[in-house]
Amino acid sequence: MSSAQLGVVLVTAASELEAKTIAQSLIATKLAACVSIWPVRSIYTWQGELEDSQEWQLLIKTDLNQFAQLEAKVRSLHAYDLPEIIALPIAAGSAAYLDWLQTQTQPSIE
C-alpha cells in the first residue's frame, strides 16, 4: 500500500447540514476515511467587502491521489461559488492509524 499519499483537506461550509452532507458523501464514496467537523468564524474579503461569517470547518483525512475526485464531489455539493478546498500532506503519524486511513480510501473493486 505504499502508493498512497495521505493528507488532510480543509473545506469550509456555510451550514452544519451542508458540512454533514459533504462529509457523508465523501465517506460513502471512499474519498475520505474520516471527516471532522466543527464551527469556525471566518473573516475575509469577498468581492471587495469585508466578511465575518460563521462557518463549519471540515478536516478531511484522505489519500491525496484522489484529490481531483474529492474536489469534484465537494464542488458538486457545495453552495459557495469559490469554496475553500486546500490539501496538506501528512508528514508523519501513527502507523496503525495511517494504515487504517489508507485502507478506508481504497476504491471498491466491483
N, C-alpha and C. Protein backbone atom coordinates (compact mmCIF):
# COMPACT_ATOMS: atom_id res chain seq x y z
N MET A 1 0.81 -1.20 0.00
CA MET A 1 0.00 0.00 0.00
C MET A 1 0.85 1.26 0.00
N SER A 2 2.04 1.19 -0.47
CA SER A 2 2.95 2.33 -0.40
C SER A 2 2.65 3.43 -1.41
N SER A 3 1.68 3.21 -2.31
CA SER A 3 1.39 4.21 -3.33
C SER A 3 0.51 5.35 -2.83
N ALA A 4 -0.05 5.23 -1.63
CA ALA A 4 -0.92 6.28 -1.10
C ALA A 4 -0.09 7.52 -0.73
N GLN A 5 -0.70 8.67 -0.93
CA GLN A 5 -0.13 9.94 -0.49
C GLN A 5 -1.15 10.52 0.48
N LEU A 6 -1.01 10.19 1.76
CA LEU A 6 -2.01 10.54 2.74
C LEU A 6 -1.93 12.01 3.13
N GLY A 7 -3.10 12.60 3.38
CA GLY A 7 -3.13 14.01 3.74
C GLY A 7 -4.47 14.40 4.31
N VAL A 8 -4.59 15.69 4.57
CA VAL A 8 -5.86 16.25 5.04
C VAL A 8 -6.26 17.35 4.06
N VAL A 9 -7.56 17.50 3.89
CA VAL A 9 -8.11 18.54 3.04
C VAL A 9 -9.02 19.40 3.91
N LEU A 10 -8.82 20.70 3.82
CA LEU A 10 -9.65 21.65 4.56
C LEU A 10 -10.72 22.22 3.64
N VAL A 11 -11.95 22.21 4.12
CA VAL A 11 -13.09 22.78 3.40
C VAL A 11 -13.95 23.49 4.43
N THR A 12 -14.42 24.69 4.12
CA THR A 12 -15.41 25.34 4.97
C THR A 12 -16.75 25.30 4.26
N ALA A 13 -17.82 25.18 5.07
CA ALA A 13 -19.18 25.14 4.54
C ALA A 13 -20.03 26.19 5.25
N ALA A 14 -21.10 26.59 4.60
CA ALA A 14 -21.95 27.66 5.14
C ALA A 14 -22.84 27.19 6.29
N SER A 15 -23.13 25.89 6.35
CA SER A 15 -24.03 25.39 7.39
C SER A 15 -23.57 24.02 7.87
N GLU A 16 -24.06 23.65 9.05
CA GLU A 16 -23.74 22.33 9.58
C GLU A 16 -24.32 21.24 8.68
N LEU A 17 -25.52 21.45 8.17
CA LEU A 17 -26.14 20.47 7.29
C LEU A 17 -25.33 20.26 6.02
N GLU A 18 -24.86 21.36 5.42
CA GLU A 18 -24.03 21.24 4.22
C GLU A 18 -22.74 20.49 4.54
N ALA A 19 -22.10 20.81 5.65
CA ALA A 19 -20.87 20.13 6.05
C ALA A 19 -21.11 18.63 6.24
N LYS A 20 -22.20 18.30 6.91
CA LYS A 20 -22.53 16.89 7.15
C LYS A 20 -22.82 16.16 5.84
N THR A 21 -23.54 16.80 4.93
CA THR A 21 -23.85 16.20 3.63
C THR A 21 -22.57 15.92 2.85
N ILE A 22 -21.66 16.88 2.82
CA ILE A 22 -20.38 16.69 2.13
C ILE A 22 -19.60 15.55 2.78
N ALA A 23 -19.51 15.56 4.10
CA ALA A 23 -18.75 14.53 4.82
C ALA A 23 -19.31 13.14 4.54
N GLN A 24 -20.61 12.98 4.64
CA GLN A 24 -21.21 11.66 4.42
C GLN A 24 -21.00 11.17 3.00
N SER A 25 -21.08 12.07 2.03
CA SER A 25 -20.85 11.69 0.65
C SER A 25 -19.41 11.24 0.41
N LEU A 26 -18.46 11.97 1.01
CA LEU A 26 -17.04 11.60 0.85
C LEU A 26 -16.74 10.24 1.48
N ILE A 27 -17.35 9.97 2.62
CA ILE A 27 -17.14 8.66 3.28
C ILE A 27 -17.79 7.56 2.46
N ALA A 28 -19.02 7.78 2.00
CA ALA A 28 -19.74 6.76 1.24
C ALA A 28 -19.04 6.38 -0.06
N THR A 29 -18.34 7.34 -0.66
CA THR A 29 -17.65 7.08 -1.93
C THR A 29 -16.18 6.74 -1.74
N LYS A 30 -15.76 6.55 -0.49
CA LYS A 30 -14.39 6.20 -0.14
C LYS A 30 -13.37 7.26 -0.57
N LEU A 31 -13.82 8.51 -0.69
CA LEU A 31 -12.92 9.61 -0.98
C LEU A 31 -12.31 10.17 0.30
N ALA A 32 -12.80 9.72 1.44
CA ALA A 32 -12.26 10.11 2.74
C ALA A 32 -12.43 8.95 3.71
N ALA A 33 -11.51 8.85 4.65
CA ALA A 33 -11.61 7.84 5.70
C ALA A 33 -12.38 8.39 6.89
N CYS A 34 -12.22 9.69 7.16
CA CYS A 34 -12.83 10.33 8.31
C CYS A 34 -12.93 11.82 8.02
N VAL A 35 -14.01 12.43 8.48
CA VAL A 35 -14.17 13.88 8.36
C VAL A 35 -14.57 14.42 9.72
N SER A 36 -13.77 15.33 10.24
CA SER A 36 -14.10 16.02 11.49
C SER A 36 -14.72 17.36 11.13
N ILE A 37 -15.74 17.75 11.88
CA ILE A 37 -16.48 18.98 11.59
C ILE A 37 -16.60 19.79 12.87
N TRP A 38 -16.33 21.11 12.78
CA TRP A 38 -16.54 21.97 13.93
C TRP A 38 -16.86 23.38 13.46
N PRO A 39 -17.56 24.17 14.31
CA PRO A 39 -17.88 25.55 13.93
C PRO A 39 -16.65 26.44 13.99
N VAL A 40 -16.56 27.37 13.03
CA VAL A 40 -15.46 28.34 12.99
C VAL A 40 -16.02 29.70 12.61
N ARG A 41 -15.25 30.72 12.89
CA ARG A 41 -15.58 32.07 12.44
C ARG A 41 -14.51 32.47 11.43
N SER A 42 -14.93 32.85 10.25
CA SER A 42 -14.01 33.22 9.18
C SER A 42 -14.16 34.70 8.86
N ILE A 43 -13.03 35.39 8.77
CA ILE A 43 -13.00 36.80 8.40
C ILE A 43 -12.14 36.91 7.15
N TYR A 44 -12.71 37.48 6.08
CA TYR A 44 -12.03 37.52 4.79
C TYR A 44 -12.66 38.60 3.93
N THR A 45 -12.03 38.93 2.82
CA THR A 45 -12.59 39.86 1.85
C THR A 45 -13.15 39.06 0.69
N TRP A 46 -14.40 39.34 0.33
CA TRP A 46 -15.03 38.69 -0.82
C TRP A 46 -15.72 39.75 -1.65
N GLN A 47 -15.35 39.82 -2.92
CA GLN A 47 -15.90 40.79 -3.86
C GLN A 47 -15.84 42.21 -3.31
N GLY A 48 -14.68 42.54 -2.71
CA GLY A 48 -14.42 43.88 -2.21
C GLY A 48 -15.05 44.22 -0.87
N GLU A 49 -15.75 43.28 -0.26
CA GLU A 49 -16.41 43.51 1.02
C GLU A 49 -15.76 42.67 2.12
N LEU A 50 -15.62 43.25 3.29
CA LEU A 50 -15.11 42.51 4.45
C LEU A 50 -16.23 41.61 4.96
N GLU A 51 -15.96 40.33 5.04
CA GLU A 51 -16.94 39.35 5.50
C GLU A 51 -16.52 38.84 6.88
N ASP A 52 -17.50 38.56 7.72
CA ASP A 52 -17.30 37.99 9.05
C ASP A 52 -18.39 36.93 9.19
N SER A 53 -18.02 35.67 8.95
CA SER A 53 -19.03 34.61 8.81
C SER A 53 -18.83 33.47 9.80
N GLN A 54 -19.95 32.95 10.27
CA GLN A 54 -19.94 31.68 11.00
C GLN A 54 -19.99 30.59 9.94
N GLU A 55 -19.04 29.68 9.98
CA GLU A 55 -18.96 28.59 9.02
C GLU A 55 -18.69 27.29 9.75
N TRP A 56 -18.65 26.22 8.98
CA TRP A 56 -18.32 24.90 9.53
C TRP A 56 -17.08 24.39 8.81
N GLN A 57 -16.05 24.05 9.59
CA GLN A 57 -14.78 23.57 9.04
C GLN A 57 -14.80 22.06 8.94
N LEU A 58 -14.48 21.55 7.78
CA LEU A 58 -14.32 20.12 7.58
C LEU A 58 -12.82 19.83 7.52
N LEU A 59 -12.37 18.85 8.28
CA LEU A 59 -11.00 18.35 8.22
C LEU A 59 -11.11 16.93 7.68
N ILE A 60 -10.74 16.77 6.42
CA ILE A 60 -10.98 15.54 5.68
C ILE A 60 -9.67 14.75 5.60
N LYS A 61 -9.67 13.54 6.17
CA LYS A 61 -8.49 12.68 6.10
C LYS A 61 -8.65 11.76 4.89
N THR A 62 -7.64 11.77 4.00
CA THR A 62 -7.81 11.09 2.71
C THR A 62 -6.48 10.68 2.10
N ASP A 63 -6.59 9.99 0.97
CA ASP A 63 -5.45 9.71 0.09
C ASP A 63 -5.45 10.81 -0.96
N LEU A 64 -4.44 11.63 -0.97
CA LEU A 64 -4.40 12.78 -1.87
C LEU A 64 -4.32 12.39 -3.35
N ASN A 65 -4.04 11.12 -3.63
CA ASN A 65 -4.09 10.66 -5.02
C ASN A 65 -5.51 10.77 -5.58
N GLN A 66 -6.50 10.87 -4.70
CA GLN A 66 -7.90 11.01 -5.11
C GLN A 66 -8.38 12.46 -5.03
N PHE A 67 -7.45 13.41 -4.91
CA PHE A 67 -7.83 14.81 -4.71
C PHE A 67 -8.76 15.33 -5.81
N ALA A 68 -8.50 15.03 -7.06
CA ALA A 68 -9.33 15.55 -8.15
C ALA A 68 -10.78 15.09 -8.00
N GLN A 69 -10.98 13.81 -7.65
CA GLN A 69 -12.33 13.30 -7.45
C GLN A 69 -12.98 13.91 -6.21
N LEU A 70 -12.19 14.06 -5.14
CA LEU A 70 -12.69 14.68 -3.92
C LEU A 70 -13.11 16.12 -4.20
N GLU A 71 -12.27 16.87 -4.89
CA GLU A 71 -12.59 18.26 -5.21
C GLU A 71 -13.88 18.34 -6.03
N ALA A 72 -14.03 17.47 -7.02
CA ALA A 72 -15.23 17.47 -7.85
C ALA A 72 -16.48 17.17 -7.02
N LYS A 73 -16.37 16.22 -6.09
CA LYS A 73 -17.51 15.87 -5.24
C LYS A 73 -17.87 17.04 -4.33
N VAL A 74 -16.87 17.67 -3.72
CA VAL A 74 -17.14 18.82 -2.85
C VAL A 74 -17.81 19.92 -3.65
N ARG A 75 -17.28 20.25 -4.82
CA ARG A 75 -17.86 21.32 -5.65
C ARG A 75 -19.31 21.01 -6.03
N SER A 76 -19.61 19.74 -6.29
CA SER A 76 -20.97 19.37 -6.71
C SER A 76 -21.98 19.53 -5.57
N LEU A 77 -21.52 19.50 -4.32
CA LEU A 77 -22.41 19.57 -3.16
C LEU A 77 -22.35 20.91 -2.44
N HIS A 78 -21.42 21.77 -2.82
CA HIS A 78 -21.14 23.00 -2.08
C HIS A 78 -21.95 24.18 -2.60
N ALA A 79 -22.40 25.04 -1.69
CA ALA A 79 -23.20 26.22 -2.05
C ALA A 79 -22.35 27.40 -2.52
N TYR A 80 -21.09 27.47 -2.12
CA TYR A 80 -20.26 28.63 -2.47
C TYR A 80 -19.82 28.60 -3.93
N ASP A 81 -19.66 29.79 -4.51
CA ASP A 81 -19.09 29.90 -5.85
C ASP A 81 -17.62 29.48 -5.85
N LEU A 82 -16.92 29.80 -4.76
CA LEU A 82 -15.49 29.52 -4.64
C LEU A 82 -15.20 28.90 -3.26
N PRO A 83 -15.46 27.62 -3.11
CA PRO A 83 -15.24 27.01 -1.80
C PRO A 83 -13.75 26.83 -1.50
N GLU A 84 -13.43 26.90 -0.21
CA GLU A 84 -12.07 26.57 0.23
C GLU A 84 -11.90 25.07 0.07
N ILE A 85 -10.86 24.67 -0.67
CA ILE A 85 -10.50 23.25 -0.81
C ILE A 85 -8.98 23.23 -0.85
N ILE A 86 -8.36 22.97 0.31
CA ILE A 86 -6.90 23.05 0.45
C ILE A 86 -6.37 21.71 0.95
N ALA A 87 -5.41 21.15 0.26
CA ALA A 87 -4.82 19.87 0.64
C ALA A 87 -3.46 20.06 1.29
N LEU A 88 -3.24 19.33 2.38
CA LEU A 88 -1.97 19.33 3.10
C LEU A 88 -1.50 17.90 3.29
N PRO A 89 -0.24 17.61 2.99
CA PRO A 89 0.25 16.24 3.19
C PRO A 89 0.45 15.94 4.68
N ILE A 90 0.31 14.68 5.03
CA ILE A 90 0.62 14.23 6.38
C ILE A 90 2.10 13.83 6.38
N ALA A 91 2.91 14.52 7.14
CA ALA A 91 4.35 14.25 7.18
C ALA A 91 4.67 13.02 8.02
N ALA A 92 3.90 12.79 9.07
CA ALA A 92 4.13 11.65 9.96
C ALA A 92 2.85 11.38 10.73
N GLY A 93 2.72 10.17 11.26
CA GLY A 93 1.55 9.82 12.05
C GLY A 93 1.68 8.41 12.58
N SER A 94 0.75 8.05 13.41
CA SER A 94 0.69 6.70 13.95
C SER A 94 0.57 5.70 12.80
N ALA A 95 1.47 4.74 12.75
CA ALA A 95 1.46 3.77 11.64
C ALA A 95 0.13 3.04 11.55
N ALA A 96 -0.43 2.65 12.67
CA ALA A 96 -1.70 1.92 12.66
C ALA A 96 -2.82 2.80 12.11
N TYR A 97 -2.86 4.07 12.52
CA TYR A 97 -3.90 4.99 12.03
C TYR A 97 -3.73 5.24 10.53
N LEU A 98 -2.50 5.46 10.09
CA LEU A 98 -2.26 5.72 8.67
C LEU A 98 -2.60 4.51 7.82
N ASP A 99 -2.34 3.30 8.33
CA ASP A 99 -2.74 2.08 7.62
C ASP A 99 -4.25 2.02 7.48
N TRP A 100 -4.96 2.35 8.59
CA TRP A 100 -6.43 2.36 8.56
C TRP A 100 -6.93 3.39 7.55
N LEU A 101 -6.35 4.59 7.58
CA LEU A 101 -6.76 5.66 6.66
C LEU A 101 -6.59 5.19 5.21
N GLN A 102 -5.49 4.59 4.93
CA GLN A 102 -5.23 4.13 3.56
C GLN A 102 -6.22 3.04 3.16
N THR A 103 -6.49 2.11 4.06
CA THR A 103 -7.43 1.04 3.77
C THR A 103 -8.83 1.58 3.49
N GLN A 104 -9.25 2.57 4.26
CA GLN A 104 -10.59 3.14 4.12
C GLN A 104 -10.78 3.92 2.82
N THR A 105 -9.71 4.37 2.21
CA THR A 105 -9.82 5.18 1.00
C THR A 105 -9.46 4.40 -0.28
N GLN A 106 -9.37 3.09 -0.16
CA GLN A 106 -9.13 2.27 -1.34
C GLN A 106 -10.43 2.10 -2.11
N PRO A 107 -10.43 2.38 -3.39
CA PRO A 107 -11.65 2.21 -4.18
C PRO A 107 -12.14 0.77 -4.11
N SER A 108 -13.45 0.61 -4.08
CA SER A 108 -14.06 -0.73 -4.05
C SER A 108 -13.86 -1.41 -5.40
N ILE A 109 -13.59 -2.69 -5.34
CA ILE A 109 -13.46 -3.48 -6.57
C ILE A 109 -14.83 -4.11 -6.85
N GLU A 110 -15.39 -3.77 -8.00
CA GLU A 110 -16.72 -4.29 -8.32
C GLU A 110 -16.72 -5.03 -9.62
